[in-house]
N, C-alpha and C. Protein backbone atom coordinates (compact mmCIF):
# COMPACT_ATOMS: atom_id res chain seq x y z
N CYS A 1 -12.27 -5.02 -11.26
CA CYS A 1 -13.01 -4.08 -10.73
C CYS A 1 -10.73 -2.87 -10.54
N ASN A 2 -11.16 -1.90 -11.15
CA ASN A 2 -10.01 -1.18 -11.25
C ASN A 2 -9.30 -0.25 -9.70
N HIS A 3 -8.59 0.58 -9.11
CA HIS A 3 -7.87 1.14 -8.47
C HIS A 3 -8.86 2.43 -9.45
N SER A 4 -8.73 3.35 -7.25
CA SER A 4 -9.58 5.08 -7.82
C SER A 4 -9.27 5.17 -6.59
N ALA A 5 -8.14 6.73 -6.69
CA ALA A 5 -8.65 7.76 -5.43
C ALA A 5 -10.29 7.55 -5.46
N ASP A 6 -10.40 7.77 -6.57
CA ASP A 6 -11.79 8.67 -5.68
C ASP A 6 -12.93 7.16 -6.35
N PRO A 7 -13.38 5.88 -5.84
CA PRO A 7 -14.05 4.75 -6.14
C PRO A 7 -15.71 5.44 -6.46
N ASN A 8 -16.30 4.37 -7.14
CA ASN A 8 -17.84 4.57 -7.09
C ASN A 8 -18.27 2.73 -6.62
N ALA A 9 -17.44 2.27 -6.40
CA ALA A 9 -18.10 0.62 -5.64
C ALA A 9 -16.98 1.44 -4.81
N LYS A 10 -17.38 -0.15 -3.42
CA LYS A 10 -16.64 -1.45 -2.98
C LYS A 10 -17.17 -2.42 -2.70
N GLN A 11 -15.50 -3.58 -2.44
CA GLN A 11 -16.22 -4.84 -2.30
C GLN A 11 -16.10 -5.09 -0.72
N THR A 12 -16.66 -6.26 -0.11
CA THR A 12 -16.93 -7.05 0.81
C THR A 12 -16.44 -8.51 0.05
N TRP A 13 -16.37 -9.00 1.76
CA TRP A 13 -16.11 -10.06 1.12
C TRP A 13 -18.05 -11.13 1.74
N ASP A 14 -18.29 -11.98 1.15
CA ASP A 14 -19.30 -13.31 2.10
C ASP A 14 -18.99 -14.40 2.38
N LEU A 15 -18.60 -14.50 3.87
CA LEU A 15 -17.55 -15.42 4.52
C LEU A 15 -19.63 -16.35 3.51
N VAL A 16 -20.33 -16.36 4.00
CA VAL A 16 -21.48 -17.65 3.46
C VAL A 16 -21.67 -17.60 2.54
N GLU A 17 -21.90 -16.96 1.48
CA GLU A 17 -21.32 -17.92 -0.18
C GLU A 17 -19.55 -17.66 -0.87
N ASP A 18 -19.37 -17.53 0.72
CA ASP A 18 -17.72 -17.45 -0.46
C ASP A 18 -17.28 -16.72 -1.35
N ALA A 19 -17.97 -15.72 -1.45
CA ALA A 19 -18.28 -14.62 -2.55
C ALA A 19 -18.24 -12.74 -2.65
N MET A 20 -17.05 -12.20 -3.82
CA MET A 20 -17.32 -11.52 -3.53
C MET A 20 -18.18 -10.19 -3.73
N ILE A 21 -18.19 -9.51 -3.04
CA ILE A 21 -19.46 -8.80 -3.26
C ILE A 21 -19.22 -7.24 -3.68
N VAL A 22 -19.21 -6.53 -5.11
CA VAL A 22 -19.05 -5.37 -5.11
C VAL A 22 -20.34 -4.83 -5.33
N LYS A 23 -20.82 -3.24 -3.89
CA LYS A 23 -21.78 -2.19 -4.46
C LYS A 23 -21.14 -0.62 -4.44
N ALA A 24 -22.33 -0.10 -5.32
CA ALA A 24 -22.10 0.65 -6.13
C ALA A 24 -22.36 1.75 -5.79
N LEU A 25 -20.89 2.68 -5.28
CA LEU A 25 -21.77 4.11 -3.50
C LEU A 25 -22.42 4.81 -4.24
N ARG A 26 -22.87 5.07 -5.73
CA ARG A 26 -23.11 6.23 -7.18
C ARG A 26 -23.64 5.63 -7.86
N VAL A 27 -24.39 6.27 -8.91
CA VAL A 27 -24.59 5.85 -10.33
C VAL A 27 -23.75 5.77 -10.70
N ILE A 28 -23.66 4.57 -11.85
CA ILE A 28 -22.02 4.21 -12.14
C ILE A 28 -23.53 3.77 -13.70
N GLU A 29 -23.41 5.09 -14.84
CA GLU A 29 -23.47 4.15 -16.01
C GLU A 29 -23.45 3.24 -16.83
N PRO A 30 -24.50 2.87 -17.65
CA PRO A 30 -23.16 2.39 -18.85
C PRO A 30 -22.69 2.70 -19.46
N GLY A 31 -21.35 1.81 -19.36
CA GLY A 31 -20.00 1.91 -20.80
C GLY A 31 -18.84 2.89 -19.24
N GLN A 32 -19.69 3.09 -18.42
CA GLN A 32 -18.25 3.62 -16.95
C GLN A 32 -17.53 2.44 -16.59
N GLU A 33 -16.20 2.40 -16.45
CA GLU A 33 -15.89 1.78 -15.37
C GLU A 33 -15.78 1.46 -14.08
N VAL A 34 -15.90 0.53 -13.23
CA VAL A 34 -16.20 1.03 -12.06
C VAL A 34 -14.98 0.61 -11.17
N CYS A 35 -15.05 1.13 -10.29
CA CYS A 35 -13.32 1.87 -9.80
C CYS A 35 -13.66 1.18 -8.27
N ILE A 36 -12.84 0.27 -7.58
CA ILE A 36 -13.27 -0.06 -5.78
C ILE A 36 -11.60 1.08 -5.30
N SER A 37 -11.36 0.74 -3.86
CA SER A 37 -10.00 2.02 -3.86
C SER A 37 -8.84 0.07 -3.06
N TYR A 38 -8.05 0.00 -3.46
CA TYR A 38 -7.49 -0.34 -2.88
C TYR A 38 -6.28 -0.30 -1.46
N GLY A 39 -7.19 0.92 -1.27
CA GLY A 39 -6.32 1.09 -0.09
C GLY A 39 -5.66 2.09 0.10
N PRO A 40 -5.22 3.14 0.66
CA PRO A 40 -4.27 4.63 0.93
C PRO A 40 -2.87 3.80 0.67
N LEU A 41 -2.48 3.63 -0.59
CA LEU A 41 -1.33 2.90 -0.65
C LEU A 41 0.33 4.16 -1.21
N SER A 42 1.42 3.52 -1.10
CA SER A 42 2.11 4.56 -1.72
C SER A 42 1.66 3.97 -2.94
N ASN A 43 1.99 4.42 -3.60
CA ASN A 43 3.43 4.87 -5.63
C ASN A 43 3.94 3.37 -5.75
N PRO A 44 5.54 2.50 -4.43
CA PRO A 44 6.10 1.82 -4.76
C PRO A 44 5.09 0.44 -4.12
N VAL A 45 4.47 0.48 -3.03
CA VAL A 45 3.56 -0.08 -2.66
C VAL A 45 2.43 -0.76 -4.16
N LEU A 46 1.69 0.41 -4.95
CA LEU A 46 0.63 -0.77 -5.51
C LEU A 46 1.64 -0.17 -6.50
N PHE A 47 2.87 -0.25 -7.28
CA PHE A 47 4.27 -1.16 -7.97
C PHE A 47 3.82 -1.89 -7.94
N ARG A 48 4.71 -2.65 -6.77
CA ARG A 48 4.66 -3.91 -6.67
C ARG A 48 3.63 -4.87 -6.38
N THR A 49 3.09 -4.78 -5.99
CA THR A 49 1.57 -5.44 -5.15
C THR A 49 0.88 -5.59 -6.51
N TYR A 50 0.14 -4.30 -7.72
CA TYR A 50 -0.80 -4.27 -8.61
C TYR A 50 -0.16 -3.83 -10.24
N GLY A 51 1.55 -3.37 -9.86
CA GLY A 51 2.21 -3.59 -11.66
C GLY A 51 1.19 -2.34 -12.36
N PHE A 52 0.71 -0.86 -11.19
CA PHE A 52 0.86 -0.04 -11.85
C PHE A 52 1.16 1.90 -10.72
N THR A 53 0.90 3.00 -10.89
CA THR A 53 1.04 4.59 -10.44
C THR A 53 -0.01 4.86 -10.34
N MET A 54 -0.43 5.82 -9.35
CA MET A 54 -1.21 6.57 -9.60
C MET A 54 0.33 8.62 -9.68
N ALA A 55 -0.32 9.96 -10.41
CA ALA A 55 -0.04 11.13 -10.30
C ALA A 55 0.36 11.05 -8.92
N GLY A 56 1.69 11.47 -8.81
CA GLY A 56 2.19 11.90 -7.74
C GLY A 56 1.26 12.78 -6.97
N CYS A 57 0.23 13.10 -7.87
CA CYS A 57 -0.97 14.66 -6.36
C CYS A 57 -1.91 13.86 -6.47
N GLU A 58 -2.07 12.30 -6.48
CA GLU A 58 -3.58 12.05 -5.61
C GLU A 58 -2.35 10.56 -4.96
N GLU A 59 -0.59 11.07 -4.75
CA GLU A 59 -0.48 9.80 -3.97
C GLU A 59 -0.51 9.28 -2.56
N PRO A 60 -1.45 8.97 -1.66
CA PRO A 60 -2.20 9.16 -0.30
C PRO A 60 -0.82 8.83 0.71
N THR A 61 0.05 8.76 0.24
CA THR A 61 1.34 7.97 1.48
C THR A 61 2.25 7.63 0.15
N TRP A 62 3.46 7.96 0.94
CA TRP A 62 5.43 7.40 0.53
C TRP A 62 5.88 6.13 1.01
N THR A 63 6.41 5.83 0.61
CA THR A 63 7.56 3.94 0.74
C THR A 63 8.80 5.20 0.27
N CYS A 64 9.34 4.84 1.77
CA CYS A 64 11.07 4.68 1.55
C CYS A 64 11.69 3.21 1.78
N ALA A 65 12.72 2.85 0.30
CA ALA A 65 13.51 2.10 1.34
C ALA A 65 14.65 2.20 1.22
N CYS A 66 15.17 0.77 2.57
CA CYS A 66 16.56 0.85 2.01
C CYS A 66 17.36 -0.31 2.67
N THR A 67 18.77 -0.36 2.46
CA THR A 67 18.35 -1.62 3.18
C THR A 67 18.89 -1.83 4.20
N VAL A 68 19.36 -2.49 4.92
CA VAL A 68 18.98 -2.66 6.77
C VAL A 68 21.11 -1.61 7.14
N GLU A 69 21.83 -2.30 6.18
CA GLU A 69 23.30 -1.46 5.88
C GLU A 69 22.50 0.33 5.84
N ALA A 70 21.91 0.48 5.34
CA ALA A 70 21.85 2.01 5.73
C ALA A 70 21.60 2.29 5.94
N MET A 71 20.64 1.48 6.63
CA MET A 71 19.46 1.75 8.14
C MET A 71 19.99 2.08 9.50
N LEU A 72 21.18 1.11 9.44
CA LEU A 72 22.44 0.96 10.71
C LEU A 72 23.05 2.20 10.35
N GLU A 73 23.61 2.62 9.74
CA GLU A 73 24.49 3.85 9.59
C GLU A 73 23.73 5.68 10.38
N VAL A 74 22.30 5.25 10.60
CA VAL A 74 21.80 6.61 10.90
C VAL A 74 20.77 6.20 12.00
N ILE A 75 20.44 5.27 12.32
CA ILE A 75 19.95 4.88 13.63
C ILE A 75 20.47 4.97 14.75
N PRO A 76 19.98 5.14 15.81
CA PRO A 76 20.60 5.12 17.76
C PRO A 76 21.21 3.99 17.40
N LYS A 77 21.92 4.28 18.51
CA LYS A 77 23.57 3.40 18.53
C LYS A 77 22.94 2.27 18.97
N ALA A 78 21.94 3.00 20.82
CA ALA A 78 21.40 2.33 21.40
C ALA A 78 20.37 0.92 20.54
N ALA A 79 20.34 1.16 18.84
CA ALA A 79 19.20 1.43 18.43
C ALA A 79 19.86 -0.78 17.09
N VAL A 80 20.99 -0.56 17.79
CA VAL A 80 21.99 -1.36 15.90
C VAL A 80 21.31 -3.50 16.55
N GLU A 81 22.25 -3.05 17.81
CA GLU A 81 22.06 -4.21 18.13
C GLU A 81 21.03 -4.96 17.73
N SER A 82 19.82 -4.29 18.04
CA SER A 82 18.13 -5.42 18.57
C SER A 82 17.88 -5.23 17.11
N PHE A 83 18.22 -4.63 16.38
CA PHE A 83 17.82 -3.85 14.63
C PHE A 83 18.98 -4.25 13.29
N SER A 84 19.69 -4.65 13.79
CA SER A 84 20.68 -6.38 13.33
C SER A 84 19.86 -7.73 13.45
N ALA A 85 19.54 -7.93 14.85
CA ALA A 85 19.26 -9.17 14.98
C ALA A 85 18.30 -8.92 14.49
N ALA A 86 17.08 -8.06 14.96
CA ALA A 86 15.81 -8.65 13.48
C ALA A 86 15.68 -8.58 12.30
N PHE A 87 16.97 -8.18 11.89
CA PHE A 87 16.69 -7.99 10.29
C PHE A 87 18.06 -8.87 10.02
N PRO A 88 17.86 -9.59 9.12
CA PRO A 88 19.51 -10.45 7.65
C PRO A 88 19.84 -9.24 7.17
N PRO A 89 21.70 -9.23 7.17
CA PRO A 89 21.63 -8.41 6.13
C PRO A 89 21.14 -8.72 4.59
N LEU A 90 20.84 -7.93 3.89
CA LEU A 90 21.11 -7.81 2.31
C LEU A 90 19.45 -7.22 2.00
N THR A 91 18.87 -7.00 3.61
CA THR A 91 16.99 -7.45 3.79
C THR A 91 17.12 -5.92 3.44
N GLU A 92 16.13 -5.76 3.05
CA GLU A 92 15.57 -4.24 2.30
C GLU A 92 14.56 -3.85 3.31
N VAL A 93 14.68 -2.80 3.65
CA VAL A 93 13.71 -1.83 4.92
C VAL A 93 12.31 -1.23 3.91
N HIS A 94 11.27 -1.53 3.89
CA HIS A 94 10.29 -0.69 3.80
C HIS A 94 9.69 0.16 4.32
N LEU A 95 10.03 1.96 4.91
CA LEU A 95 8.82 2.21 6.03
C LEU A 95 7.77 3.53 5.67
N ASP A 96 6.45 3.33 5.32
CA ASP A 96 4.74 3.67 4.97
C ASP A 96 4.97 4.89 5.69
N ALA A 97 4.70 5.84 5.26
CA ALA A 97 4.41 7.05 6.28
C ALA A 97 3.29 6.55 7.35
N ASP A 98 2.16 5.67 6.88
CA ASP A 98 1.31 5.44 7.25
C ASP A 98 0.63 4.03 8.71
N ARG A 99 2.84 3.54 8.67
CA ARG A 99 2.72 3.16 10.01
C ARG A 99 3.78 3.73 10.21
N LEU A 100 3.37 5.15 10.30
CA LEU A 100 4.71 5.75 11.27
C LEU A 100 4.37 5.86 12.12
N SER A 101 5.04 6.62 13.62
CA SER A 101 4.46 7.46 14.68
C SER A 101 6.09 8.29 14.78
């Protein structure tokens, strides 16, 4: 199944049968592609995980990636020590809009 922002099917995992179950959300005509949603993922995450991106107007969220060194330049001075301890040098930090508050 491929990803769509407007899927015509959904998938679940049947633990008893140890199998993926795909159910139609609406009528799927013969020859029509079956599409599920991979979730509200940004284009960088879609590309890194699945190897494709969506049109920018369909992208449901955004991701910003930067190095720890770049983050240290912009975070409050009071947070520098704990941030440095949490992330080793040269680590890339990814900020996802749907996970920020």
